[in-house]
Amino acid sequence: MSRPLLVVDGDSFAHRFYHALPKTIRRRGNKGAGAIVGFANFLLRLYDDECPRAVLVGWDTLEAPTYRHELFTDYQSGRDFDAELVDQLDVLPQFVSTCGFAYAKAAGYEADDFLAAAVAREERRGGTVIVATGDRDAFQLASEKTTILQPLGGGMTARIGPAEVRERYGVDPGQVPDFIALRGDPSDKLPGAKGVGSKGAAALLRKYGSLEAALKDGRFAMQATELRLYRSIATMDESAPLPPLRSQTPTWARAAALARRWQLNRLGERLDTRARQVKEYRERPGVVRERS
């Protein structure tokens, strides 16, 4: 059986671990490290659980607006990140790269867009994808070849495919951007259609099939322009630029050395243990090394 591509929403999980772990976790220079340690441990666990052929982590570029911000000034307004979180977000891509994995980060794009681009590329080549994210907007990516891993808390995750999207939202994955446009999304400051909640949005999409069909039938005539804009904002951009996603061999020893330079010694020990285990396995008689 071919191994999947693992695609991770870096910002989603870094934020989660920053707020979940003690601020007393520090690295060299008395800088914060909770998000780094939490994300690193999560990434290692994901790698063990999913056995991917390659890993891609997508990141936001906080200092540069996206087209979504330019089209809708209220988009994600009011978000204010602690300086220590921003500092850790800046260095986490280095950790990912030192592990031998790929990352994507570019001005004008969000982590979500890199997830969509990676899914589209991998599905075109006939592969399967695991998408790890806490953002339910990613439900639009679910397919027979792509599964969403959604954190539930307590270290548990839910595996979301098309059936689970229909069960939770009452719509197909491809209708999720239309659903978000109609229902709204408070976290992104999208107001949605007036008087329409989750059940109403699902009912309209079951009737019409799409937001555009509902608008052409005369529904929401006074909000048509805004609703089309909300749908565009909610749609992940699969044209986002990606690095090569060839099969990878993790470089745990390099990652361990980086962790030790950051004075994250316990993380360094875990990574060193992995490096030794891989080396011992490869040195066993009869073990054939994989080729990229």
C-alpha atoms as a PDB file:
ATOM      1  CA  MET A   1       0.000   0.000   0.000  1.00  0.00           C
ATOM      2  CA  SER A   2       1.373   3.433  -0.934  1.00  0.00           C
ATOM      3  CA  ARG A   3       2.016   5.840   1.898  1.00  0.00           C
ATOM      4  CA  PRO A   4       0.082   9.119   2.145  1.00  0.00           C
ATOM      5  CA  LEU A   5       1.289  12.678   1.947  1.00  0.00           C
ATOM      6  CA  LEU A   6       0.892  14.318   5.363  1.00  0.00           C
ATOM      7  CA  VAL A   7      -0.087  17.991   5.196  1.00  0.00           C
ATOM      8  CA  VAL A   8      -0.166  20.019   8.416  1.00  0.00           C
ATOM      9  CA  ASP A   9      -1.675  23.429   9.216  1.00  0.00           C
ATOM     10  CA  GLY A  10       1.298  24.764  11.153  1.00  0.00           C
ATOM     11  CA  ASP A  11      -0.332  27.896  12.524  1.00  0.00           C
ATOM     12  CA  SER A  12      -3.421  26.044  13.714  1.00  0.00           C
ATOM     13  CA  PHE A  13      -1.423  23.690  15.928  1.00  0.00           C
ATOM     14  CA  ALA A  14       1.255  26.177  17.005  1.00  0.00           C
ATOM     15  CA  HIS A  15      -1.486  28.464  18.337  1.00  0.00           C
ATOM     16  CA  ARG A  16      -3.139  25.537  20.079  1.00  0.00           C
ATOM     17  CA  PHE A  17       0.045  24.439  21.855  1.00  0.00           C
ATOM     18  CA  TYR A  18       1.108  27.969  22.719  1.00  0.00           C
ATOM     19  CA  HIS A  19      -2.080  28.439  24.726  1.00  0.00           C
ATOM     20  CA  ALA A  20      -2.153  24.886  26.119  1.00  0.00           C
ATOM     21  CA  LEU A  21       1.403  24.562  27.477  1.00  0.00           C
ATOM     22  CA  PRO A  22       3.068  26.474  30.331  1.00  0.00           C
ATOM     23  CA  LYS A  23       4.839  29.715  29.450  1.00  0.00           C
ATOM     24  CA  THR A  24       7.650  28.522  31.723  1.00  0.00           C
ATOM     25  CA  ILE A  25       8.966  26.342  28.866  1.00  0.00           C
ATOM     26  CA  ARG A  26      11.931  28.403  27.625  1.00  0.00           C
ATOM     27  CA  ARG A  27      14.729  28.126  25.108  1.00  0.00           C
ATOM     28  CA  ARG A  28      18.116  29.823  24.670  1.00  0.00           C
ATOM     29  CA  GLY A  29      17.989  33.523  25.453  1.00  0.00           C
ATOM     30  CA  ASN A  30      15.033  33.042  27.813  1.00  0.00           C
ATOM     31  CA  LYS A  31      12.707  32.979  24.809  1.00  0.00           C
ATOM     32  CA  GLY A  32       9.385  31.153  24.781  1.00  0.00           C
ATOM     33  CA  ALA A  33       9.318  27.546  23.600  1.00  0.00           C
ATOM     34  CA  GLY A  34       5.946  26.030  24.517  1.00  0.00           C
ATOM     35  CA  ALA A  35       4.574  26.240  20.982  1.00  0.00           C
ATOM     36  CA  ILE A  36       7.818  24.781  19.582  1.00  0.00           C
ATOM     37  CA  VAL A  37       7.895  21.828  21.972  1.00  0.00           C
ATOM     38  CA  GLY A  38       4.172  21.125  21.669  1.00  0.00           C
ATOM     39  CA  PHE A  39       4.246  21.308  17.882  1.00  0.00           C
ATOM     40  CA  ALA A  40       7.395  19.185  17.655  1.00  0.00           C
ATOM     41  CA  ASN A  41       5.946  16.425  19.825  1.00  0.00           C
ATOM     42  CA  PHE A  42       2.698  16.523  17.855  1.00  0.00           C
ATOM     43  CA  LEU A  43       4.557  16.302  14.547  1.00  0.00           C
ATOM     44  CA  LEU A  44       6.543  13.294  15.754  1.00  0.00           C
ATOM     45  CA  ARG A  45       3.375  11.549  16.912  1.00  0.00           C
ATOM     46  CA  LEU A  46       1.670  12.271  13.588  1.00  0.00           C
ATOM     47  CA  TYR A  47       4.636  10.870  11.701  1.00  0.00           C
ATOM     48  CA  ASP A  48       4.508   7.671  13.742  1.00  0.00           C
ATOM     49  CA  ASP A  49       0.747   7.289  13.372  1.00  0.00           C
ATOM     50  CA  GLU A  50       0.447   8.023   9.646  1.00  0.00           C
ATOM     51  CA  CYS A  51       3.794   6.758   8.242  1.00  0.00           C
ATOM     52  CA  PRO A  52       3.726   9.334   5.431  1.00  0.00           C
ATOM     53  CA  ARG A  53       5.912   9.296   2.356  1.00  0.00           C
ATOM     54  CA  ALA A  54       6.467  13.039   2.833  1.00  0.00           C
ATOM     55  CA  VAL A  55       5.402  15.880   5.115  1.00  0.00           C
ATOM     56  CA  LEU A  56       4.426  19.446   4.189  1.00  0.00           C
ATOM     57  CA  VAL A  57       3.674  22.087   6.832  1.00  0.00           C
ATOM     58  CA  GLY A  58       1.845  25.228   5.718  1.00  0.00           C
ATOM     59  CA  TRP A  59       2.315  28.581   7.468  1.00  0.00           C
ATOM     60  CA  ASP A  60       0.661  31.987   7.432  1.00  0.00           C
ATOM     61  CA  THR A  61       2.711  35.121   6.747  1.00  0.00           C
ATOM     62  CA  LEU A  62       1.457  37.390   9.507  1.00  0.00           C
ATOM     63  CA  GLU A  63       3.191  40.560   8.352  1.00  0.00           C
ATOM     64  CA  ALA A  64       1.686  40.489   4.844  1.00  0.00           C
ATOM     65  CA  PRO A  65      -2.029  40.793   4.012  1.00  0.00           C
ATOM     66  CA  THR A  66      -3.680  38.291   1.689  1.00  0.00           C
ATOM     67  CA  TYR A  67      -6.142  39.078  -1.073  1.00  0.00           C
ATOM     68  CA  ARG A  68      -8.848  38.193   1.440  1.00  0.00           C
ATOM     69  CA  HIS A  69      -7.819  41.101   3.680  1.00  0.00           C
ATOM     70  CA  GLU A  70      -7.697  43.420   0.678  1.00  0.00           C
ATOM     71  CA  LEU A  71     -11.173  42.427  -0.525  1.00  0.00           C
ATOM     72  CA  PHE A  72     -12.816  42.430   2.909  1.00  0.00           C
ATOM     73  CA  THR A  73     -11.290  44.790   5.452  1.00  0.00           C
ATOM     74  CA  ASP A  74     -13.004  43.107   8.413  1.00  0.00           C
ATOM     75  CA  TYR A  75     -11.548  39.711   7.556  1.00  0.00           C
ATOM     76  CA  GLN A  76      -9.997  38.205  10.710  1.00  0.00           C
ATOM     77  CA  SER A  77     -10.020  41.661  12.308  1.00  0.00           C
ATOM     78  CA  GLY A  78      -9.330  41.983  16.009  1.00  0.00           C
ATOM     79  CA  ARG A  79      -6.764  39.185  16.166  1.00  0.00           C
ATOM     80  CA  ASP A  80      -3.799  40.126  18.344  1.00  0.00           C
ATOM     81  CA  PHE A  81      -0.946  37.658  18.868  1.00  0.00           C
ATOM     82  CA  ASP A  82       1.504  37.680  21.763  1.00  0.00           C
ATOM     83  CA  ALA A  83       5.053  38.616  20.804  1.00  0.00           C
ATOM     84  CA  GLU A  84       6.352  35.282  22.142  1.00  0.00           C
ATOM     85  CA  LEU A  85       3.936  33.371  19.922  1.00  0.00           C
ATOM     86  CA  VAL A  86       4.996  35.368  16.857  1.00  0.00           C
ATOM     87  CA  ASP A  87       8.648  34.681  17.693  1.00  0.00           C
ATOM     88  CA  GLN A  88       8.013  30.924  17.821  1.00  0.00           C
ATOM     89  CA  LEU A  89       5.976  31.001  14.613  1.00  0.00           C
ATOM     90  CA  ASP A  90       8.990  32.614  12.954  1.00  0.00           C
ATOM     91  CA  VAL A  91      11.397  29.796  13.889  1.00  0.00           C
ATOM     92  CA  LEU A  92       9.133  26.749  13.633  1.00  0.00           C
ATOM     93  CA  PRO A  93       9.587  26.458   9.838  1.00  0.00           C
ATOM     94  CA  GLN A  94      13.321  26.048  10.520  1.00  0.00           C
ATOM     95  CA  PHE A  95      12.586  23.134  12.819  1.00  0.00           C
ATOM     96  CA  VAL A  96      10.352  21.513  10.184  1.00  0.00           C
ATOM     97  CA  SER A  97      13.043  21.876   7.529  1.00  0.00           C
ATOM     98  CA  THR A  98      15.748  20.516   9.840  1.00  0.00           C
ATOM     99  CA  CYS A  99      13.610  17.394  10.354  1.00  0.00           C
ATOM    100  CA  GLY A 100      13.917  16.791   6.608  1.00  0.00           C
ATOM    101  CA  PHE A 101      10.350  17.882   5.885  1.00  0.00           C
ATOM    102  CA  ALA A 102       8.998  20.556   3.544  1.00  0.00           C
ATOM    103  CA  TYR A 103       7.212  23.748   4.458  1.00  0.00           C
ATOM    104  CA  ALA A 104       5.350  26.406   2.507  1.00  0.00           C
ATOM    105  CA  LYS A 105       5.114  30.059   3.442  1.00  0.00           C
ATOM    106  CA  ALA A 106       4.635  32.991   1.074  1.00  0.00           C
ATOM    107  CA  ALA A 107       3.277  36.524   1.258  1.00  0.00           C
ATOM    108  CA  GLY A 108      -0.339  36.747   0.146  1.00  0.00           C
ATOM    109  CA  TYR A 109      -1.253  33.167   1.082  1.00  0.00           C
ATOM    110  CA  GLU A 110      -2.537  31.469   4.222  1.00  0.00           C
ATOM    111  CA  ALA A 111      -1.643  28.036   5.531  1.00  0.00           C
ATOM    112  CA  ASP A 112      -5.056  26.857   4.284  1.00  0.00           C
ATOM    113  CA  ASP A 113      -4.082  27.640   0.708  1.00  0.00           C
ATOM    114  CA  PHE A 114      -0.977  25.458   0.873  1.00  0.00           C
ATOM    115  CA  LEU A 115      -3.095  22.606   2.232  1.00  0.00           C
ATOM    116  CA  ALA A 116      -5.438  22.902  -0.745  1.00  0.00           C
ATOM    117  CA  ALA A 117      -2.587  23.133  -3.246  1.00  0.00           C
ATOM    118  CA  ALA A 118      -0.875  20.063  -1.785  1.00  0.00           C
ATOM    119  CA  VAL A 119      -4.103  18.057  -1.825  1.00  0.00           C
ATOM    120  CA  ALA A 120      -4.777  18.978  -5.441  1.00  0.00           C
ATOM    121  CA  ARG A 121      -1.245  18.061  -6.517  1.00  0.00           C
ATOM    122  CA  GLU A 122      -1.181  14.750  -4.647  1.00  0.00           C
ATOM    123  CA  GLU A 123      -4.614  13.663  -5.844  1.00  0.00           C
ATOM    124  CA  ARG A 124      -3.599  14.430  -9.454  1.00  0.00           C
ATOM    125  CA  ARG A 125      -0.632  12.071  -9.081  1.00  0.00           C
ATOM    126  CA  GLY A 126      -2.966   9.382  -7.737  1.00  0.00           C
ATOM    127  CA  GLY A 127      -1.833   9.587  -4.113  1.00  0.00           C
ATOM    128  CA  THR A 128      -3.698   9.883  -0.849  1.00  0.00           C
ATOM    129  CA  VAL A 129      -3.481  12.727   1.668  1.00  0.00           C
ATOM    130  CA  ILE A 130      -3.860  13.218   5.403  1.00  0.00           C
ATOM    131  CA  VAL A 131      -4.608  16.858   6.294  1.00  0.00           C
ATOM    132  CA  ALA A 132      -4.082  17.762   9.953  1.00  0.00           C
ATOM    133  CA  THR A 133      -5.820  21.001  10.946  1.00  0.00           C
ATOM    134  CA  GLY A 134      -8.117  22.471  13.531  1.00  0.00           C
ATOM    135  CA  ASP A 135      -9.792  24.674  10.910  1.00  0.00           C
ATOM    136  CA  ARG A 136     -13.113  23.267   9.771  1.00  0.00           C
ATOM    137  CA  ASP A 137     -12.881  25.261   6.540  1.00  0.00           C
ATOM    138  CA  ALA A 138     -10.623  22.386   5.448  1.00  0.00           C
ATOM    139  CA  PHE A 139     -13.647  20.094   5.328  1.00  0.00           C
ATOM    140  CA  GLN A 140     -13.936  21.293   1.712  1.00  0.00           C
ATOM    141  CA  LEU A 141     -10.831  19.183   0.958  1.00  0.00           C
ATOM    142  CA  ALA A 142     -12.312  15.870   2.124  1.00  0.00           C
ATOM    143  CA  SER A 143     -12.600  13.246  -0.608  1.00  0.00           C
ATOM    144  CA  GLU A 144     -12.175   9.547  -1.209  1.00  0.00           C
ATOM    145  CA  LYS A 145      -8.419  10.205  -1.333  1.00  0.00           C
ATOM    146  CA  THR A 146      -8.112  12.918   1.326  1.00  0.00           C
ATOM    147  CA  THR A 147      -8.900  12.600   5.026  1.00  0.00           C
ATOM    148  CA  ILE A 148      -8.987  15.493   7.481  1.00  0.00           C
ATOM    149  CA  LEU A 149      -7.533  14.938  10.967  1.00  0.00           C
ATOM    150  CA  GLN A 150      -9.364  17.243  13.369  1.00  0.00           C
ATOM    151  CA  PRO A 151      -8.115  17.633  16.977  1.00  0.00           C
ATOM    152  CA  LEU A 152     -10.698  16.847  19.646  1.00  0.00           C
ATOM    153  CA  GLY A 153      -8.675  17.564  22.780  1.00  0.00           C
ATOM    154  CA  GLY A 154      -6.908  15.220  25.135  1.00  0.00           C
ATOM    155  CA  GLY A 155      -4.644  14.056  22.335  1.00  0.00           C
ATOM    156  CA  MET A 156      -7.598  12.576  20.416  1.00  0.00           C
ATOM    157  CA  THR A 157      -8.398  13.271  16.766  1.00  0.00           C
ATOM    158  CA  ALA A 158     -11.361  12.666  14.477  1.00  0.00           C
ATOM    159  CA  ARG A 159     -10.913  11.389  10.931  1.00  0.00           C
ATOM    160  CA  ILE A 160     -13.156  13.363   8.598  1.00  0.00           C
ATOM    161  CA  GLY A 161     -14.106  12.125   5.142  1.00  0.00           C
ATOM    162  CA  PRO A 162     -17.022  13.058   2.863  1.00  0.00           C
ATOM    163  CA  ALA A 163     -19.536  11.083   4.951  1.00  0.00           C
ATOM    164  CA  GLU A 164     -18.497  12.868   8.148  1.00  0.00           C
ATOM    165  CA  VAL A 165     -18.760  16.270   6.432  1.00  0.00           C
ATOM    166  CA  ARG A 166     -22.305  15.429   5.331  1.00  0.00           C
ATOM    167  CA  GLU A 167     -23.148  14.218   8.834  1.00  0.00           C
ATOM    168  CA  ARG A 168     -21.815  17.359  10.529  1.00  0.00           C
ATOM    169  CA  TYR A 169     -22.817  20.062   8.050  1.00  0.00           C
ATOM    170  CA  GLY A 170     -25.524  18.457   5.935  1.00  0.00           C
ATOM    171  CA  VAL A 171     -23.642  19.305   2.725  1.00  0.00           C
ATOM    172  CA  ASP A 172     -21.010  17.719   0.495  1.00  0.00           C
ATOM    173  CA  PRO A 173     -17.352  18.797   0.870  1.00  0.00           C
ATOM    174  CA  GLY A 174     -17.483  20.772  -2.363  1.00  0.00           C
ATOM    175  CA  GLN A 175     -20.369  22.818  -0.953  1.00  0.00           C
ATOM    176  CA  VAL A 176     -18.518  23.857   2.200  1.00  0.00           C
ATOM    177  CA  PRO A 177     -17.423  27.308   0.863  1.00  0.00           C
ATOM    178  CA  ASP A 178     -21.058  28.004  -0.129  1.00  0.00           C
ATOM    179  CA  PHE A 179     -22.165  26.810   3.305  1.00  0.00           C
ATOM    180  CA  ILE A 180     -19.695  29.133   5.056  1.00  0.00           C
ATOM    181  CA  ALA A 181     -20.768  32.065   2.887  1.00  0.00           C
ATOM    182  CA  LEU A 182     -24.419  31.539   3.792  1.00  0.00           C
ATOM    183  CA  ARG A 183     -23.975  30.615   7.458  1.00  0.00           C
ATOM    184  CA  GLY A 184     -21.134  33.021   8.166  1.00  0.00           C
ATOM    185  CA  ASP A 185     -17.921  32.430  10.097  1.00  0.00           C
ATOM    186  CA  PRO A 186     -17.453  34.464  13.308  1.00  0.00           C
ATOM    187  CA  SER A 187     -13.770  33.541  13.608  1.00  0.00           C
ATOM    188  CA  ASP A 188     -13.063  35.147  10.218  1.00  0.00           C
ATOM    189  CA  LYS A 189     -15.648  37.932  10.748  1.00  0.00           C
ATOM    190  CA  LEU A 190     -17.795  36.759   7.809  1.00  0.00           C
ATOM    191  CA  PRO A 191     -21.406  37.750   8.652  1.00  0.00           C
ATOM    192  CA  GLY A 192     -23.150  35.362   6.218  1.00  0.00           C
ATOM    193  CA  ALA A 193     -26.662  35.763   4.844  1.00  0.00           C
ATOM    194  CA  LYS A 194     -29.116  37.620   7.038  1.00  0.00           C
ATOM    195  CA  GLY A 195     -31.329  35.283   9.033  1.00  0.00           C
ATOM    196  CA  VAL A 196     -29.576  32.111   7.845  1.00  0.00           C
ATOM    197  CA  GLY A 197     -27.858  29.753  10.276  1.00  0.00           C
ATOM    198  CA  SER A 198     -26.288  26.343   9.850  1.00  0.00           C
ATOM    199  CA  LYS A 199     -29.537  24.452   9.272  1.00  0.00           C
ATOM    200  CA  GLY A 200     -30.866  27.067   6.889  1.00  0.00           C
ATOM    201  CA  ALA A 201     -27.639  27.127   4.885  1.00  0.00           C
ATOM    202  CA  ALA A 202     -27.630  23.336   4.547  1.00  0.00           C
ATOM    203  CA  ALA A 203     -31.307  23.313   3.514  1.00  0.00           C
ATOM    204  CA  LEU A 204     -30.704  25.941   0.835  1.00  0.00           C
ATOM    205  CA  LEU A 205     -27.768  24.003  -0.594  1.00  0.00           C
ATOM    206  CA  ARG A 206     -29.756  20.771  -0.642  1.00  0.00           C
ATOM    207  CA  LYS A 207     -32.443  22.601  -2.604  1.00  0.00           C
ATOM    208  CA  TYR A 208     -30.287  24.605  -5.009  1.00  0.00           C
ATOM    209  CA  GLY A 209     -26.993  22.725  -5.059  1.00  0.00           C
ATOM    210  CA  SER A 210     -24.904  25.891  -4.855  1.00  0.00           C
ATOM    211  CA  LEU A 211     -24.939  29.468  -3.637  1.00  0.00           C
ATOM    212  CA  GLU A 212     -24.788  30.703  -7.214  1.00  0.00           C
ATOM    213  CA  ALA A 213     -27.919  28.769  -8.172  1.00  0.00           C
ATOM    214  CA  ALA A 214     -29.765  30.240  -5.192  1.00  0.00           C
ATOM    215  CA  LEU A 215     -28.702  33.759  -6.183  1.00  0.00           C
ATOM    216  CA  LYS A 216     -29.796  33.202  -9.800  1.00  0.00           C
ATOM    217  CA  ASP A 217     -33.200  32.169  -8.461  1.00  0.00           C
ATOM    218  CA  GLY A 218     -33.514  35.565  -6.816  1.00  0.00           C
ATOM    219  CA  ARG A 219     -32.583  34.604  -3.263  1.00  0.00           C
ATOM    220  CA  PHE A 220     -30.655  37.218  -1.259  1.00  0.00           C
ATOM    221  CA  ALA A 221     -30.788  39.765  -4.072  1.00  0.00           C
ATOM    222  CA  MET A 222     -29.666  42.591  -1.779  1.00  0.00           C
ATOM    223  CA  GLN A 223     -26.684  40.576  -0.548  1.00  0.00           C
ATOM    224  CA  ALA A 224     -25.613  38.807  -3.725  1.00  0.00           C
ATOM    225  CA  THR A 225     -22.330  40.685  -4.156  1.00  0.00           C
ATOM    226  CA  GLU A 226     -21.349  40.205  -0.525  1.00  0.00           C
ATOM    227  CA  LEU A 227     -22.225  36.503  -0.505  1.00  0.00           C
ATOM    228  CA  ARG A 228     -20.153  35.851  -3.609  1.00  0.00           C
ATOM    229  CA  LEU A 229     -17.274  37.638  -1.875  1.00  0.00           C
ATOM    230  CA  TYR A 230     -17.687  35.533   1.276  1.00  0.00           C
ATOM    231  CA  ARG A 231     -17.629  32.371  -0.817  1.00  0.00           C
ATOM    232  CA  SER A 232     -14.418  33.492  -2.523  1.00  0.00           C
ATOM    233  CA  ILE A 233     -12.836  34.199   0.854  1.00  0.00           C
ATOM    234  CA  ALA A 234     -13.900  30.798   2.224  1.00  0.00           C
ATOM    235  CA  THR A 235     -12.495  28.924  -0.782  1.00  0.00           C
ATOM    236  CA  MET A 236      -8.948  27.662  -0.325  1.00  0.00           C
ATOM    237  CA  ASP A 237      -6.595  28.671  -3.140  1.00  0.00           C
ATOM    238  CA  GLU A 238      -5.101  25.529  -4.661  1.00  0.00           C
ATOM    239  CA  SER A 239      -2.830  27.625  -6.907  1.00  0.00           C
ATOM    240  CA  ALA A 240      -0.627  28.524  -3.912  1.00  0.00           C
ATOM    241  CA  PRO A 241       3.095  27.896  -4.594  1.00  0.00           C
ATOM    242  CA  LEU A 242       4.552  24.677  -3.221  1.00  0.00           C
ATOM    243  CA  PRO A 243       8.043  23.237  -2.823  1.00  0.00           C
ATOM    244  CA  PRO A 244       8.843  19.827  -4.340  1.00  0.00           C
ATOM    245  CA  LEU A 245       7.069  17.038  -2.465  1.00  0.00           C
ATOM    246  CA  ARG A 246       9.272  14.068  -3.211  1.00  0.00           C
ATOM    247  CA  SER A 247       9.432  11.188  -0.750  1.00  0.00           C
ATOM    248  CA  GLN A 248      11.473  12.150   2.290  1.00  0.00           C
ATOM    249  CA  THR A 249      13.817  10.539   4.786  1.00  0.00           C
ATOM    250  CA  PRO A 250      13.619  12.299   8.168  1.00  0.00           C
ATOM    251  CA  THR A 251      16.861  13.806   9.459  1.00  0.00           C
ATOM    252  CA  TRP A 252      16.242  13.334  13.175  1.00  0.00           C
ATOM    253  CA  ALA A 253      19.896  13.831  14.145  1.00  0.00           C
ATOM    254  CA  ARG A 254      19.979  17.293  12.555  1.00  0.00           C
ATOM    255  CA  ALA A 255      16.734  18.184  14.322  1.00  0.00           C
ATOM    256  CA  ALA A 256      18.197  16.957  17.620  1.00  0.00           C
ATOM    257  CA  ALA A 257      21.236  19.195  17.139  1.00  0.00           C
ATOM    258  CA  LEU A 258      18.972  22.192  16.513  1.00  0.00           C
ATOM    259  CA  ALA A 259      16.925  21.418  19.615  1.00  0.00           C
ATOM    260  CA  ARG A 260      20.101  21.291  21.694  1.00  0.00           C
ATOM    261  CA  ARG A 261      21.283  24.622  20.253  1.00  0.00           C
ATOM    262  CA  TRP A 262      17.970  26.039  21.413  1.00  0.00           C
ATOM    263  CA  GLN A 263      18.654  24.411  24.828  1.00  0.00           C
ATOM    264  CA  LEU A 264      15.532  22.256  24.469  1.00  0.00           C
ATOM    265  CA  ASN A 265      17.417  19.263  25.777  1.00  0.00           C
ATOM    266  CA  ARG A 266      14.508  16.902  26.428  1.00  0.00           C
ATOM    267  CA  LEU A 267      13.287  17.406  22.871  1.00  0.00           C
ATOM    268  CA  GLY A 268      16.844  16.873  21.677  1.00  0.00           C
ATOM    269  CA  GLU A 269      17.018  13.578  23.576  1.00  0.00           C
ATOM    270  CA  ARG A 270      13.794  12.337  21.989  1.00  0.00           C
ATOM    271  CA  LEU A 271      15.071  13.196  18.538  1.00  0.00           C
ATOM    272  CA  ASP A 272      18.462  11.604  19.233  1.00  0.00           C
ATOM    273  CA  THR A 273      16.701   8.408  20.325  1.00  0.00           C
ATOM    274  CA  ARG A 274      14.810   8.367  17.032  1.00  0.00           C
ATOM    275  CA  ALA A 275      18.006   8.878  15.071  1.00  0.00           C
ATOM    276  CA  ARG A 276      19.691   5.948  16.877  1.00  0.00           C
ATOM    277  CA  GLN A 277      16.680   3.691  16.336  1.00  0.00           C
ATOM    278  CA  VAL A 278      16.627   4.456  12.606  1.00  0.00           C
ATOM    279  CA  LYS A 279      20.386   3.855  12.322  1.00  0.00           C
ATOM    280  CA  GLU A 280      20.147   0.532  14.169  1.00  0.00           C
ATOM    281  CA  TYR A 281      17.242  -0.585  11.996  1.00  0.00           C
ATOM    282  CA  ARG A 282      19.061   0.254   8.768  1.00  0.00           C
ATOM    283  CA  GLU A 283      22.127  -1.638   9.898  1.00  0.00           C
ATOM    284  CA  ARG A 284      20.190  -4.852  10.410  1.00  0.00           C
ATOM    285  CA  PRO A 285      20.990  -7.577   7.888  1.00  0.00           C
ATOM    286  CA  GLY A 286      18.458  -7.773   5.079  1.00  0.00           C
ATOM    287  CA  VAL A 287      17.016  -4.267   5.496  1.00  0.00           C
ATOM    288  CA  VAL A 288      16.618  -2.536   2.127  1.00  0.00           C
ATOM    289  CA  ARG A 289      16.713   1.260   2.154  1.00  0.00           C
ATOM    290  CA  GLU A 290      13.828   3.027   0.462  1.00  0.00           C
ATOM    291  CA  ARG A 291      14.508   5.205  -2.511  1.00  0.00           C
ATOM    292  CA  SER A 292      12.895   8.598  -2.977  1.00  0.00           C
END
